[in-house]
């Protein structure tokens, strides 16, 4: 197991280097002069030139990238050109909100997706199966921002049962925090619910046809015991992989959802600084999201190897 994890970690190093190059390059490939965009059209040529020298914008691209990478290896993501505050603490202060939203979204997707996926499998080719597949396809085809708007219109403006925007810390009010994040988490988790239910259905159908399931039924075990204790345990292996891969997408989806619901997470931080032309802050958030997605995929591979030992020996 240690050998497998070490190999996966070594393979991630060149990927991270490519990510840093891409994140750094994408900002400087944006049309226009970064100095003029940051200082505005009213800035004098002298001020613009001084800003270029201060930010090393006159250096060749390779020199700028290597300098940024060197600072990055020392844990320095740079400084905001608007507030002159370090980027790393700004991201760290917003991270708990985004993580809380992502965790709630995953929990909701599993709570909704697993039971209906199992139901569709054990009631295959019935009306229940059809209903579940319609729900799953609805989740997969509905954009999160559109669902978020519908949730606000119905649950907040029409019924008035949930807040339309704002954030409450769970340390101040646990119930208030749950209410504030319920609609954003549902808007993100509904899409994953569709994937989870379809994957659960497919995996359960395969597992229910295995010999050990037939043997368990032949022994006279209750159907609930056969389904949930024997079949579901093995059917969860591909579901775990799916959740890990989708979690990276949820982290990226928080950018839009946090803006719609006014949540002070790193997604909202990125949007605000895109409008403010604060390139160092945008670079920092982009790099964090990219590395976080890579880390989630790596963790998924490790969990999958734990659940299925054959993966560790497959080369």
Protein backbone atom coordinates (compact mmCIF):
# COMPACT_ATOMS: atom_id res chain seq x y z
CA UNK A 1 0.00 0.00 0.00
CA UNK A 2 2.82 2.40 0.86
CA UNK A 3 4.40 1.73 -2.53
CA UNK A 4 1.13 2.49 -4.31
CA UNK A 5 0.66 5.78 -2.42
CA UNK A 6 4.27 6.81 -3.04
CA UNK A 7 3.92 6.14 -6.76
CA UNK A 8 0.72 8.18 -6.94
CA UNK A 9 2.37 11.08 -5.09
CA UNK A 10 5.36 11.06 -7.43
CA UNK A 11 3.09 11.06 -10.46
CA UNK A 12 1.26 14.11 -9.11
CA UNK A 13 4.43 16.27 -9.02
CA UNK A 14 4.68 16.93 -12.79
CA UNK A 15 0.92 17.51 -12.86
CA UNK A 16 1.23 20.20 -10.19
CA UNK A 17 4.06 21.87 -12.12
CA UNK A 18 1.90 21.96 -15.24
CA UNK A 19 -0.94 23.41 -13.19
CA UNK A 20 1.26 26.22 -11.91
CA UNK A 21 2.38 27.02 -15.45
CA UNK A 22 -1.18 27.05 -16.73
CA UNK A 23 -2.49 29.19 -13.85
CA UNK A 24 0.32 31.70 -14.24
CA UNK A 25 0.02 31.84 -18.02
CA UNK A 26 -3.75 32.20 -18.21
CA UNK A 27 -3.66 35.53 -16.39
CA UNK A 28 -1.01 36.99 -18.67
CA UNK A 29 -2.77 35.74 -21.80
CA UNK A 30 -5.74 37.98 -21.03
CA UNK A 31 -5.87 40.80 -23.61
CA UNK A 32 -4.78 44.21 -22.40
CA UNK A 33 -2.11 45.62 -20.15
CA UNK A 34 -2.39 44.32 -16.56
CA UNK A 35 -0.94 47.56 -15.20
CA UNK A 36 -3.45 49.72 -17.03
CA UNK A 37 -6.30 47.42 -16.02
CA UNK A 38 -5.35 47.62 -12.37
CA UNK A 39 -4.59 51.34 -12.17
CA UNK A 40 -7.35 52.51 -14.49
CA UNK A 41 -7.35 54.77 -17.51
CA UNK A 42 -6.86 57.88 -15.38
CA UNK A 43 -3.40 56.74 -14.21
CA UNK A 44 -0.42 58.64 -15.57
CA UNK A 45 2.17 56.91 -17.78
CA UNK A 46 4.73 57.39 -15.01
CA UNK A 47 2.53 55.62 -12.46
CA UNK A 48 1.88 52.78 -14.88
CA UNK A 49 5.56 52.36 -15.61
CA UNK A 50 6.43 52.43 -11.90
CA UNK A 51 3.81 49.77 -11.23
CA UNK A 52 5.26 47.59 -14.01
CA UNK A 53 8.69 47.78 -12.45
CA UNK A 54 7.35 47.07 -8.98
CA UNK A 55 5.44 43.99 -10.16
CA UNK A 56 8.26 42.89 -12.53
CA UNK A 57 5.83 43.03 -15.47
CA UNK A 58 8.61 44.15 -17.82
CA UNK A 59 10.57 40.94 -17.30
CA UNK A 60 10.26 38.09 -19.83
CA UNK A 61 7.49 35.60 -19.18
CA UNK A 62 9.89 32.81 -18.19
CA UNK A 63 11.64 35.05 -15.65
CA UNK A 64 8.30 36.12 -14.16
CA UNK A 65 7.08 32.52 -13.93
CA UNK A 66 10.26 31.20 -12.30
CA UNK A 67 10.20 34.02 -9.78
CA UNK A 68 6.55 33.34 -8.97
CA UNK A 69 7.22 29.59 -8.73
CA UNK A 70 10.14 30.19 -6.37
CA UNK A 71 7.96 32.28 -4.08
CA UNK A 72 5.24 29.66 -4.34
CA UNK A 73 7.59 26.91 -3.16
CA UNK A 74 8.25 29.03 -0.07
CA UNK A 75 4.53 29.22 0.62
CA UNK A 76 4.12 32.76 -0.71
CA UNK A 77 1.20 33.22 -3.10
CA UNK A 78 1.93 36.91 -3.46
CA UNK A 79 0.12 40.05 -2.35
CA UNK A 80 -3.13 41.62 -3.40
CA UNK A 81 -2.56 44.68 -5.59
CA UNK A 82 -5.73 46.27 -4.18
CA UNK A 83 -5.42 45.69 -0.43
CA UNK A 84 -1.68 44.81 -0.31
CA UNK A 85 -2.57 41.90 1.98
CA UNK A 86 -1.03 38.40 1.55
CA UNK A 87 -3.06 36.11 -0.68
CA UNK A 88 -2.67 32.97 1.46
CA UNK A 89 -4.41 34.32 4.61
CA UNK A 90 -7.21 35.74 2.46
CA UNK A 91 -7.87 32.29 0.97
CA UNK A 92 -7.53 30.57 4.36
CA UNK A 93 -10.10 32.90 5.92
CA UNK A 94 -12.67 32.08 3.21
CA UNK A 95 -11.90 28.36 2.97
CA UNK A 96 -14.14 27.10 5.86
CA UNK A 97 -17.24 28.48 4.15
CA UNK A 98 -16.45 26.75 0.85
CA UNK A 99 -15.56 23.46 2.54
CA UNK A 100 -18.74 23.55 4.59
CA UNK A 101 -20.78 24.14 1.45
CA UNK A 102 -18.99 21.32 -0.41
CA UNK A 103 -19.45 18.84 2.46
CA UNK A 104 -23.15 19.67 2.80
CA UNK A 105 -23.57 19.24 -0.97
CA UNK A 106 -21.95 15.80 -0.95
CA UNK A 107 -24.00 14.68 2.06
CA UNK A 108 -27.24 15.79 0.42
CA UNK A 109 -26.33 14.09 -2.86
CA UNK A 110 -25.64 10.79 -1.05
CA UNK A 111 -28.75 11.02 1.13
CA UNK A 112 -30.87 11.60 -1.98
CA UNK A 113 -28.99 9.50 -4.53
CA UNK A 114 -28.17 6.25 -2.74
CA UNK A 115 -31.68 5.26 -1.61
CA UNK A 116 -33.36 5.97 -4.95
CA UNK A 117 -30.51 4.23 -6.79
CA UNK A 118 -31.02 1.11 -4.67
CA UNK A 119 -34.78 1.37 -5.19
CA UNK A 120 -34.34 1.56 -8.97
CA UNK A 121 -32.09 -1.52 -8.93
CA UNK A 122 -34.35 -3.75 -6.84
CA UNK A 123 -37.43 -2.52 -8.76
CA UNK A 124 -35.78 -2.74 -12.15
CA UNK A 125 -38.01 -2.19 -15.20
CA UNK A 126 -40.92 -1.00 -13.09
CA UNK A 127 -42.55 2.40 -12.73
CA UNK A 128 -40.25 3.11 -9.75
CA UNK A 129 -37.22 2.53 -11.94
CA UNK A 130 -38.61 4.91 -14.55
CA UNK A 131 -39.33 7.61 -11.96
CA UNK A 132 -35.82 7.37 -10.53
CA UNK A 133 -34.24 7.60 -13.97
CA UNK A 134 -36.32 10.69 -14.77
CA UNK A 135 -35.20 12.31 -11.49
CA UNK A 136 -31.58 11.41 -12.20
CA UNK A 137 -31.68 12.83 -15.73
CA UNK A 138 -33.33 15.98 -14.40
CA UNK A 139 -30.49 16.42 -11.94
CA UNK A 140 -27.83 15.83 -14.58
CA UNK A 141 -29.38 18.26 -17.06
CA UNK A 142 -30.28 21.13 -14.73
CA UNK A 143 -27.58 23.84 -14.36
CA UNK A 144 -26.79 24.64 -10.76
CA UNK A 145 -27.26 28.39 -11.21
CA UNK A 146 -30.74 27.85 -12.72
CA UNK A 147 -31.73 25.54 -9.87
CA UNK A 148 -30.40 28.08 -7.38
CA UNK A 149 -32.63 30.80 -8.84
CA UNK A 150 -35.66 28.50 -8.73
CA UNK A 151 -34.92 27.62 -5.09
CA UNK A 152 -34.69 31.28 -4.14
CA UNK A 153 -37.97 32.11 -5.93
CA UNK A 154 -39.88 29.22 -4.35
CA UNK A 155 -38.43 28.58 -0.89
CA UNK A 156 -37.32 32.13 -0.06
CA UNK A 157 -39.60 34.58 -1.86
CA UNK A 158 -42.81 32.53 -2.14
CA UNK A 159 -42.76 30.34 0.99
CA UNK A 160 -40.30 32.36 3.09
CA UNK A 161 -38.98 29.28 4.88
CA UNK A 162 -35.28 29.62 3.99
CA UNK A 163 -33.01 32.66 3.59
CA UNK A 164 -32.18 33.79 0.06
CA UNK A 165 -28.67 34.97 0.92
CA UNK A 166 -26.18 35.39 3.73
CA UNK A 167 -24.03 33.17 5.90
CA UNK A 168 -24.06 32.24 9.58
CA UNK A 169 -21.12 30.55 11.25
CA UNK A 170 -21.94 27.13 12.77
CA UNK A 171 -20.06 28.20 15.89
CA UNK A 172 -22.52 31.07 16.38
CA UNK A 173 -25.76 29.35 15.40
CA UNK A 174 -25.64 25.74 14.17
CA UNK A 175 -29.26 25.67 13.03
CA UNK A 176 -28.99 29.09 11.40
CA UNK A 177 -25.87 27.98 9.56
CA UNK A 178 -27.65 24.87 8.29
CA UNK A 179 -30.61 26.94 7.08
CA UNK A 180 -28.34 29.42 5.32
CA UNK A 181 -26.47 26.69 3.43
CA UNK A 182 -29.37 24.34 2.68
CA UNK A 183 -30.42 25.96 -0.61
CA UNK A 184 -26.84 26.46 -1.91
CA UNK A 185 -25.92 22.88 -0.96
CA UNK A 186 -29.05 21.52 -2.64
CA UNK A 187 -28.33 23.52 -5.80
CA UNK A 188 -24.87 21.96 -6.01
CA UNK A 189 -25.73 18.50 -4.70
CA UNK A 190 -28.75 17.90 -6.94
CA UNK A 191 -26.48 17.46 -9.95
CA UNK A 192 -24.29 14.94 -8.12
CA UNK A 193 -27.44 13.20 -6.89
CA UNK A 194 -28.27 12.33 -10.49
CA UNK A 195 -24.86 10.78 -11.04
CA UNK A 196 -24.89 8.93 -7.69
CA UNK A 197 -28.33 7.43 -8.27
CA UNK A 198 -27.46 6.24 -11.79
CA UNK A 199 -24.12 4.77 -10.67
CA UNK A 200 -25.74 3.10 -7.64
CA UNK A 201 -28.45 1.58 -9.81
CA UNK A 202 -25.95 0.23 -12.34
CA UNK A 203 -23.59 -1.16 -9.69
CA UNK A 204 -26.42 -2.72 -7.67
CA UNK A 205 -27.83 -4.47 -10.74
CA UNK A 206 -24.43 -6.01 -11.43
CA UNK A 207 -23.86 -7.03 -7.80
CA UNK A 208 -27.34 -8.49 -7.32
CA UNK A 209 -26.56 -10.98 -10.09
CA UNK A 210 -23.41 -12.31 -8.39
CA UNK A 211 -23.23 -15.84 -7.00
CA UNK A 212 -22.65 -14.80 -3.39
CA UNK A 213 -25.90 -12.80 -3.44
CA UNK A 214 -27.79 -15.84 -4.72
CA UNK A 215 -26.16 -17.91 -1.97
CA UNK A 216 -27.22 -15.39 0.68
CA UNK A 217 -30.79 -15.55 -0.57
CA UNK A 218 -30.67 -19.35 -0.67
CA UNK A 219 -29.69 -19.36 3.01
CA UNK A 220 -32.98 -17.65 3.77
CA UNK A 221 -31.58 -14.24 4.74
CA UNK A 222 -33.99 -11.33 4.76
CA UNK A 223 -34.05 -9.32 1.54
CA UNK A 224 -33.04 -6.14 3.35
CA UNK A 225 -29.99 -7.94 4.76
CA UNK A 226 -29.03 -9.25 1.32
CA UNK A 227 -29.43 -5.85 -0.31
CA UNK A 228 -27.90 -3.53 2.28
CA UNK A 229 -25.35 -5.73 4.05
CA UNK A 230 -24.03 -7.83 1.17
CA UNK A 231 -24.84 -6.15 -2.14
CA UNK A 232 -24.63 -2.44 -1.32
CA UNK A 233 -21.21 -2.75 0.34
CA UNK A 234 -19.60 -3.91 -2.91
CA UNK A 235 -21.71 -1.63 -5.08
CA UNK A 236 -20.34 1.40 -3.22
CA UNK A 237 -16.85 1.00 -4.71
CA UNK A 238 -17.62 2.74 -8.03
CA UNK A 239 -19.84 5.22 -6.19
CA UNK A 240 -16.91 6.29 -4.01
CA UNK A 241 -14.84 6.91 -7.14
CA UNK A 242 -17.66 8.94 -8.68
CA UNK A 243 -18.09 11.08 -5.56
CA UNK A 244 -14.36 11.79 -5.44
CA UNK A 245 -14.29 12.89 -9.06
CA UNK A 246 -17.44 14.98 -8.70
CA UNK A 247 -16.17 16.66 -5.53
CA UNK A 248 -13.62 18.56 -7.58
CA UNK A 249 -16.45 19.79 -9.78
CA UNK A 250 -18.39 20.91 -6.71
CA UNK A 251 -15.43 22.99 -5.55
CA UNK A 252 -15.41 24.69 -8.92
CA UNK A 253 -19.19 25.11 -8.86
CA UNK A 254 -19.02 27.06 -5.62
CA UNK A 255 -17.73 30.05 -7.61
CA UNK A 256 -21.17 30.71 -9.11
CA UNK A 257 -23.30 29.47 -6.20
CA UNK A 258 -21.46 31.57 -3.62
CA UNK A 259 -22.02 34.66 -5.77
CA UNK A 260 -25.74 33.94 -6.14
CA UNK A 261 -26.33 33.33 -2.41
CA UNK A 262 -23.84 35.92 -1.14
CA UNK A 263 -21.62 33.43 0.68
CA UNK A 264 -18.16 34.69 1.75
CA UNK A 265 -16.20 31.72 0.36
CA UNK A 266 -13.22 31.48 -1.96
CA UNK A 267 -15.50 31.36 -5.00
CA UNK A 268 -16.94 34.76 -4.10
CA UNK A 269 -13.42 35.96 -3.38
CA UNK A 270 -12.36 35.00 -6.90
CA UNK A 271 -15.33 36.71 -8.58
CA UNK A 272 -14.82 39.92 -6.61
CA UNK A 273 -11.16 40.08 -7.56
CA UNK A 274 -11.80 39.29 -11.21
CA UNK A 275 -13.96 42.41 -11.33
CA UNK A 276 -11.27 44.28 -9.40
CA UNK A 277 -8.46 43.12 -11.76
CA UNK A 278 -6.53 41.76 -8.77
CA UNK A 279 -4.50 39.20 -10.72
CA UNK A 280 -2.35 37.84 -7.84
CA UNK A 281 -5.49 37.04 -5.84
CA UNK A 282 -7.16 35.39 -8.84
CA UNK A 283 -4.01 33.35 -9.48
CA UNK A 284 -3.93 32.20 -5.88
CA UNK A 285 -7.57 31.09 -5.87
CA UNK A 286 -7.23 29.35 -9.25
CA UNK A 287 -4.14 27.47 -8.11
CA UNK A 288 -5.79 26.46 -4.84
CA UNK A 289 -8.88 25.10 -6.61
CA UNK A 290 -6.74 23.20 -9.14
CA UNK A 291 -4.49 21.63 -6.49
CA UNK A 292 -7.50 20.85 -4.31
CA UNK A 293 -9.11 18.99 -7.19
CA UNK A 294 -5.89 17.06 -7.79
CA UNK A 295 -5.66 16.20 -4.09
CA UNK A 296 -9.25 14.96 -4.06
CA UNK A 297 -8.57 12.72 -7.06
CA UNK A 298 -5.46 11.36 -5.37
CA UNK A 299 -7.38 10.67 -2.17
CA UNK A 300 -10.08 8.95 -4.23
CA UNK A 301 -7.49 6.65 -5.79
CA UNK A 302 -6.18 5.73 -2.35
CA UNK A 303 -9.65 5.05 -0.94
CA UNK A 304 -10.50 2.99 -4.01
CA UNK A 305 -7.31 0.95 -3.51
CA UNK A 306 -8.29 0.33 0.12
CA UNK A 307 -11.78 -0.84 -0.87
CA UNK A 308 -10.51 -2.95 -3.78
CA UNK A 309 -7.03 -4.43 -3.07
CA UNK A 310 -6.72 -5.61 -6.68
CA UNK A 311 -6.16 -2.00 -7.74
CA UNK A 312 -2.88 -1.85 -5.83
CA UNK A 313 -1.44 -4.67 -7.86
CA UNK A 314 -2.78 -3.61 -11.26
CA UNK A 315 0.04 -2.17 -13.37
